[in-house]
Amino acid sequence: MTVLIVYDTVEGQTGKIVERAAARLRASGRDVRVVGTASAGATADFSDIERVILAAPVHERRHPPNFEAFVRAYRTDLAARPTLMLSVSLSAAFSETREAAEDYLTEMEMRTGFTARRSALVAGAIRSRSYDYYKGMVVRHVLLKGRGPDPEAGEHEFTDWPALEADVDRFLVET
């Protein structure tokens, strides 16, 4: 079985998530192809692809524009195969903000005209060393609002790795 992983990453956590998923797929005997959409005009050949995993982070309520453009351009190819969407955000980390994380995914589906057969909201990470003053304040006072670690304390991963692996495993056996 050949699995295509299409992804974008902004601060690196989605890239780390994709690496973990790809390693799990390879360990189970699957052939894996990975396409990054950071640059405009990313392409993919779907001729021998049996399943697709899409993965992208949410920043300011949106998945990256190039990622959404890829999904929109290949929505017919994607719809013809089992597809898992991994939507990565801090909002997915907390029960009181998961509804917002679901909204981000729904908004992307409306913009691209594509809905994956299966989706998972994946908690992201704080990379505070890379934040400017404004972004640091948004993370502290809007996204975290007193929940979780102090963003100035350094980096913190919220990703539930066993849950991610279980999502990937379930996706592989679904018809």
C-alpha atoms as a PDB file:
ATOM      1  CA  MET A   1       0.000   0.000   0.000  1.00  0.00           C
ATOM      2  CA  THR A   2       1.283   3.447  -0.918  1.00  0.00           C
ATOM      3  CA  VAL A   3       0.296   6.335   1.326  1.00  0.00           C
ATOM      4  CA  LEU A   4       0.765   9.953   0.306  1.00  0.00           C
ATOM      5  CA  ILE A   5       1.284  12.502   3.072  1.00  0.00           C
ATOM      6  CA  VAL A   6       0.662  16.116   2.071  1.00  0.00           C
ATOM      7  CA  TYR A   7       1.547  18.697   4.686  1.00  0.00           C
ATOM      8  CA  ASP A   8       2.569  22.194   5.599  1.00  0.00           C
ATOM      9  CA  THR A   9       4.232  23.375   8.783  1.00  0.00           C
ATOM     10  CA  VAL A  10       4.815  26.829  10.220  1.00  0.00           C
ATOM     11  CA  GLU A  11       6.674  26.393  13.504  1.00  0.00           C
ATOM     12  CA  GLY A  12       7.720  22.768  12.992  1.00  0.00           C
ATOM     13  CA  GLN A  13       5.229  20.779  15.092  1.00  0.00           C
ATOM     14  CA  THR A  14       3.209  19.602  12.097  1.00  0.00           C
ATOM     15  CA  GLY A  15       6.462  18.524  10.449  1.00  0.00           C
ATOM     16  CA  LYS A  16       7.275  16.509  13.556  1.00  0.00           C
ATOM     17  CA  ILE A  17       3.778  14.982  13.500  1.00  0.00           C
ATOM     18  CA  VAL A  18       4.248  14.004   9.831  1.00  0.00           C
ATOM     19  CA  GLU A  19       7.642  12.430  10.591  1.00  0.00           C
ATOM     20  CA  ARG A  20       6.064  10.345  13.355  1.00  0.00           C
ATOM     21  CA  ALA A  21       3.150   9.267  11.134  1.00  0.00           C
ATOM     22  CA  ALA A  22       5.487   8.409   8.229  1.00  0.00           C
ATOM     23  CA  ALA A  23       7.735   6.338  10.494  1.00  0.00           C
ATOM     24  CA  ARG A  24       4.706   4.449  11.823  1.00  0.00           C
ATOM     25  CA  LEU A  25       3.470   3.776   8.281  1.00  0.00           C
ATOM     26  CA  ARG A  26       6.884   2.566   7.125  1.00  0.00           C
ATOM     27  CA  ALA A  27       7.240   0.319  10.183  1.00  0.00           C
ATOM     28  CA  SER A  28       3.945  -1.323   9.216  1.00  0.00           C
ATOM     29  CA  GLY A  29       5.262  -2.066   5.714  1.00  0.00           C
ATOM     30  CA  ARG A  30       3.650   0.812   3.813  1.00  0.00           C
ATOM     31  CA  ASP A  31       5.376   2.793   1.093  1.00  0.00           C
ATOM     32  CA  VAL A  32       5.200   6.492   2.010  1.00  0.00           C
ATOM     33  CA  ARG A  33       5.539   9.560  -0.177  1.00  0.00           C
ATOM     34  CA  VAL A  34       5.667  12.993   1.414  1.00  0.00           C
ATOM     35  CA  VAL A  35       4.802  16.266  -0.343  1.00  0.00           C
ATOM     36  CA  GLY A  36       5.293  19.625   1.355  1.00  0.00           C
ATOM     37  CA  THR A  37       3.172  22.571   0.306  1.00  0.00           C
ATOM     38  CA  ALA A  38       5.278  25.377   1.807  1.00  0.00           C
ATOM     39  CA  SER A  39       6.078  26.574  -1.714  1.00  0.00           C
ATOM     40  CA  ALA A  40       3.300  27.518  -4.093  1.00  0.00           C
ATOM     41  CA  GLY A  41       2.620  25.064  -6.891  1.00  0.00           C
ATOM     42  CA  ALA A  42       3.308  21.772  -5.080  1.00  0.00           C
ATOM     43  CA  THR A  43       2.215  18.796  -7.192  1.00  0.00           C
ATOM     44  CA  ALA A  44       1.530  15.108  -6.659  1.00  0.00           C
ATOM     45  CA  ASP A  45       1.032  12.036  -8.817  1.00  0.00           C
ATOM     46  CA  PHE A  46      -1.936  10.056  -7.497  1.00  0.00           C
ATOM     47  CA  SER A  47      -1.713   7.177  -9.980  1.00  0.00           C
ATOM     48  CA  ASP A  48      -0.533   4.553  -7.459  1.00  0.00           C
ATOM     49  CA  ILE A  49      -1.667   6.218  -4.229  1.00  0.00           C
ATOM     50  CA  GLU A  50      -4.134   4.172  -2.161  1.00  0.00           C
ATOM     51  CA  ARG A  51      -4.561   6.459   0.864  1.00  0.00           C
ATOM     52  CA  VAL A  52      -3.757  10.072   1.715  1.00  0.00           C
ATOM     53  CA  ILE A  53      -2.949  11.831   4.963  1.00  0.00           C
ATOM     54  CA  LEU A  54      -3.274  15.615   4.956  1.00  0.00           C
ATOM     55  CA  ALA A  55      -1.672  17.571   7.806  1.00  0.00           C
ATOM     56  CA  ALA A  56      -1.521  21.304   8.437  1.00  0.00           C
ATOM     57  CA  PRO A  57      -1.397  23.743  11.345  1.00  0.00           C
ATOM     58  CA  VAL A  58      -3.892  26.457  12.133  1.00  0.00           C
ATOM     59  CA  HIS A  59      -2.662  30.025  12.621  1.00  0.00           C
ATOM     60  CA  GLU A  60      -5.065  32.932  12.909  1.00  0.00           C
ATOM     61  CA  ARG A  61      -8.032  30.604  12.220  1.00  0.00           C
ATOM     62  CA  ARG A  62      -6.613  29.285   8.929  1.00  0.00           C
ATOM     63  CA  HIS A  63      -4.548  26.476   7.558  1.00  0.00           C
ATOM     64  CA  PRO A  64      -1.669  27.704   5.332  1.00  0.00           C
ATOM     65  CA  PRO A  65      -2.837  29.187   1.998  1.00  0.00           C
ATOM     66  CA  ASN A  66      -0.576  26.952  -0.127  1.00  0.00           C
ATOM     67  CA  PHE A  67      -1.885  23.858   1.668  1.00  0.00           C
ATOM     68  CA  GLU A  68      -5.483  24.904   1.058  1.00  0.00           C
ATOM     69  CA  ALA A  69      -4.660  25.667  -2.600  1.00  0.00           C
ATOM     70  CA  PHE A  70      -3.229  22.144  -2.984  1.00  0.00           C
ATOM     71  CA  VAL A  71      -6.325  20.561  -1.427  1.00  0.00           C
ATOM     72  CA  ARG A  72      -8.603  22.655  -3.650  1.00  0.00           C
ATOM     73  CA  ALA A  73      -6.611  21.767  -6.792  1.00  0.00           C
ATOM     74  CA  TYR A  74      -6.545  18.010  -6.037  1.00  0.00           C
ATOM     75  CA  ARG A  75      -9.937  17.610  -4.361  1.00  0.00           C
ATOM     76  CA  THR A  76     -11.176  15.147  -7.020  1.00  0.00           C
ATOM     77  CA  ASP A  77      -8.086  12.928  -6.591  1.00  0.00           C
ATOM     78  CA  LEU A  78      -8.413  13.168  -2.810  1.00  0.00           C
ATOM     79  CA  ALA A  79     -12.117  12.297  -2.840  1.00  0.00           C
ATOM     80  CA  ALA A  80     -11.374   9.096  -4.777  1.00  0.00           C
ATOM     81  CA  ARG A  81      -9.301   7.684  -1.890  1.00  0.00           C
ATOM     82  CA  PRO A  82      -9.560   7.202   1.851  1.00  0.00           C
ATOM     83  CA  THR A  83      -8.202  10.438   3.306  1.00  0.00           C
ATOM     84  CA  LEU A  84      -7.283  11.484   6.848  1.00  0.00           C
ATOM     85  CA  MET A  85      -6.984  15.182   7.717  1.00  0.00           C
ATOM     86  CA  LEU A  86      -4.822  16.103  10.709  1.00  0.00           C
ATOM     87  CA  SER A  87      -5.677  19.664  11.742  1.00  0.00           C
ATOM     88  CA  VAL A  88      -3.041  20.871  14.210  1.00  0.00           C
ATOM     89  CA  SER A  89      -3.785  23.708  16.631  1.00  0.00           C
ATOM     90  CA  LEU A  90      -3.467  24.830  20.232  1.00  0.00           C
ATOM     91  CA  SER A  91      -7.258  25.008  20.318  1.00  0.00           C
ATOM     92  CA  ALA A  92      -7.322  21.218  19.967  1.00  0.00           C
ATOM     93  CA  ALA A  93      -5.393  20.919  23.240  1.00  0.00           C
ATOM     94  CA  PHE A  94      -8.190  22.070  25.553  1.00  0.00           C
ATOM     95  CA  SER A  95     -11.762  20.812  25.908  1.00  0.00           C
ATOM     96  CA  GLU A  96     -13.147  24.349  26.152  1.00  0.00           C
ATOM     97  CA  THR A  97     -11.564  25.364  22.819  1.00  0.00           C
ATOM     98  CA  ARG A  98     -12.018  22.154  20.792  1.00  0.00           C
ATOM     99  CA  GLU A  99     -15.175  23.551  19.247  1.00  0.00           C
ATOM    100  CA  ALA A 100     -13.090  26.384  17.788  1.00  0.00           C
ATOM    101  CA  ALA A 101     -10.624  23.808  16.418  1.00  0.00           C
ATOM    102  CA  GLU A 102     -13.550  22.036  14.741  1.00  0.00           C
ATOM    103  CA  ASP A 103     -14.675  25.365  13.276  1.00  0.00           C
ATOM    104  CA  TYR A 104     -11.225  25.941  11.726  1.00  0.00           C
ATOM    105  CA  LEU A 105     -11.467  22.583   9.993  1.00  0.00           C
ATOM    106  CA  THR A 106     -15.026  23.260   8.801  1.00  0.00           C
ATOM    107  CA  GLU A 107     -13.973  26.655   7.427  1.00  0.00           C
ATOM    108  CA  MET A 108     -11.107  25.024   5.511  1.00  0.00           C
ATOM    109  CA  GLU A 109     -13.493  22.439   4.081  1.00  0.00           C
ATOM    110  CA  MET A 110     -15.782  25.211   2.875  1.00  0.00           C
ATOM    111  CA  ARG A 111     -12.888  27.128   1.278  1.00  0.00           C
ATOM    112  CA  THR A 112     -11.414  24.071  -0.475  1.00  0.00           C
ATOM    113  CA  GLY A 113     -14.590  22.208  -1.388  1.00  0.00           C
ATOM    114  CA  PHE A 114     -13.150  19.030   0.128  1.00  0.00           C
ATOM    115  CA  THR A 115     -13.975  17.064   3.267  1.00  0.00           C
ATOM    116  CA  ALA A 116     -11.720  14.173   4.252  1.00  0.00           C
ATOM    117  CA  ARG A 117     -13.385  10.861   5.058  1.00  0.00           C
ATOM    118  CA  ARG A 118     -11.742  10.988   8.475  1.00  0.00           C
ATOM    119  CA  SER A 119     -10.305  13.883  10.422  1.00  0.00           C
ATOM    120  CA  ALA A 120      -8.480  14.364  13.691  1.00  0.00           C
ATOM    121  CA  LEU A 121      -7.925  17.495  15.725  1.00  0.00           C
ATOM    122  CA  VAL A 122      -4.323  17.303  16.913  1.00  0.00           C
ATOM    123  CA  ALA A 123      -2.952  19.484  19.685  1.00  0.00           C
ATOM    124  CA  GLY A 124       0.059  21.507  18.599  1.00  0.00           C
ATOM    125  CA  ALA A 125       2.917  23.076  20.522  1.00  0.00           C
ATOM    126  CA  ILE A 126       4.203  26.371  21.873  1.00  0.00           C
ATOM    127  CA  ARG A 127       7.446  27.559  20.289  1.00  0.00           C
ATOM    128  CA  SER A 128       7.773  30.759  22.307  1.00  0.00           C
ATOM    129  CA  ARG A 129      11.414  31.402  21.454  1.00  0.00           C
ATOM    130  CA  SER A 130      10.348  32.169  17.897  1.00  0.00           C
ATOM    131  CA  TYR A 131       7.485  34.527  18.800  1.00  0.00           C
ATOM    132  CA  ASP A 132       7.610  38.279  18.486  1.00  0.00           C
ATOM    133  CA  TYR A 133       5.946  40.391  21.176  1.00  0.00           C
ATOM    134  CA  TYR A 134       2.541  40.442  19.468  1.00  0.00           C
ATOM    135  CA  LYS A 135       2.394  36.697  18.817  1.00  0.00           C
ATOM    136  CA  GLY A 136       3.553  35.993  22.377  1.00  0.00           C
ATOM    137  CA  MET A 137       0.707  38.101  23.758  1.00  0.00           C
ATOM    138  CA  VAL A 138      -1.851  36.368  21.509  1.00  0.00           C
ATOM    139  CA  VAL A 139      -0.651  32.953  22.669  1.00  0.00           C
ATOM    140  CA  ARG A 140      -0.672  33.963  26.337  1.00  0.00           C
ATOM    141  CA  HIS A 141      -3.887  35.995  26.516  1.00  0.00           C
ATOM    142  CA  VAL A 142      -6.033  34.521  23.748  1.00  0.00           C
ATOM    143  CA  LEU A 143      -5.023  30.932  22.997  1.00  0.00           C
ATOM    144  CA  LEU A 144      -3.922  29.839  26.457  1.00  0.00           C
ATOM    145  CA  LYS A 145      -5.938  32.253  28.661  1.00  0.00           C
ATOM    146  CA  GLY A 146      -4.354  30.984  31.847  1.00  0.00           C
ATOM    147  CA  ARG A 147      -4.381  27.326  30.726  1.00  0.00           C
ATOM    148  CA  GLY A 148      -1.274  25.278  30.361  1.00  0.00           C
ATOM    149  CA  PRO A 149       2.306  26.411  30.807  1.00  0.00           C
ATOM    150  CA  ASP A 150       3.530  29.990  30.674  1.00  0.00           C
ATOM    151  CA  PRO A 151       4.576  30.556  27.050  1.00  0.00           C
ATOM    152  CA  GLU A 152       7.673  32.421  28.241  1.00  0.00           C
ATOM    153  CA  ALA A 153       8.859  29.264  29.990  1.00  0.00           C
ATOM    154  CA  GLY A 154      10.026  27.870  26.643  1.00  0.00           C
ATOM    155  CA  GLU A 155       8.716  25.258  24.293  1.00  0.00           C
ATOM    156  CA  HIS A 156       5.909  22.890  25.222  1.00  0.00           C
ATOM    157  CA  GLU A 157       4.281  20.117  23.198  1.00  0.00           C
ATOM    158  CA  PHE A 158       0.599  19.407  23.700  1.00  0.00           C
ATOM    159  CA  THR A 159       0.505  16.673  21.036  1.00  0.00           C
ATOM    160  CA  ASP A 160      -0.890  13.388  22.338  1.00  0.00           C
ATOM    161  CA  TRP A 161       1.440  11.013  20.488  1.00  0.00           C
ATOM    162  CA  PRO A 162      -0.362   7.748  21.407  1.00  0.00           C
ATOM    163  CA  ALA A 163      -3.689   9.243  20.227  1.00  0.00           C
ATOM    164  CA  LEU A 164      -2.060  10.340  16.943  1.00  0.00           C
ATOM    165  CA  GLU A 165      -0.646   6.859  16.384  1.00  0.00           C
ATOM    166  CA  ALA A 166      -4.069   5.332  17.122  1.00  0.00           C
ATOM    167  CA  ASP A 167      -5.684   7.689  14.566  1.00  0.00           C
ATOM    168  CA  VAL A 168      -3.140   6.642  11.924  1.00  0.00           C
ATOM    169  CA  ASP A 169      -3.597   2.943  12.755  1.00  0.00           C
ATOM    170  CA  ARG A 170      -7.419   3.195  12.529  1.00  0.00           C
ATOM    171  CA  PHE A 171      -7.140   5.022   9.219  1.00  0.00           C
ATOM    172  CA  LEU A 172      -5.047   2.221   7.719  1.00  0.00           C
ATOM    173  CA  VAL A 173      -7.651  -0.451   8.388  1.00  0.00           C
ATOM    174  CA  GLU A 174     -10.774   1.509   7.443  1.00  0.00           C
ATOM    175  CA  THR A 175     -12.392   0.836   4.100  1.00  0.00           C
END
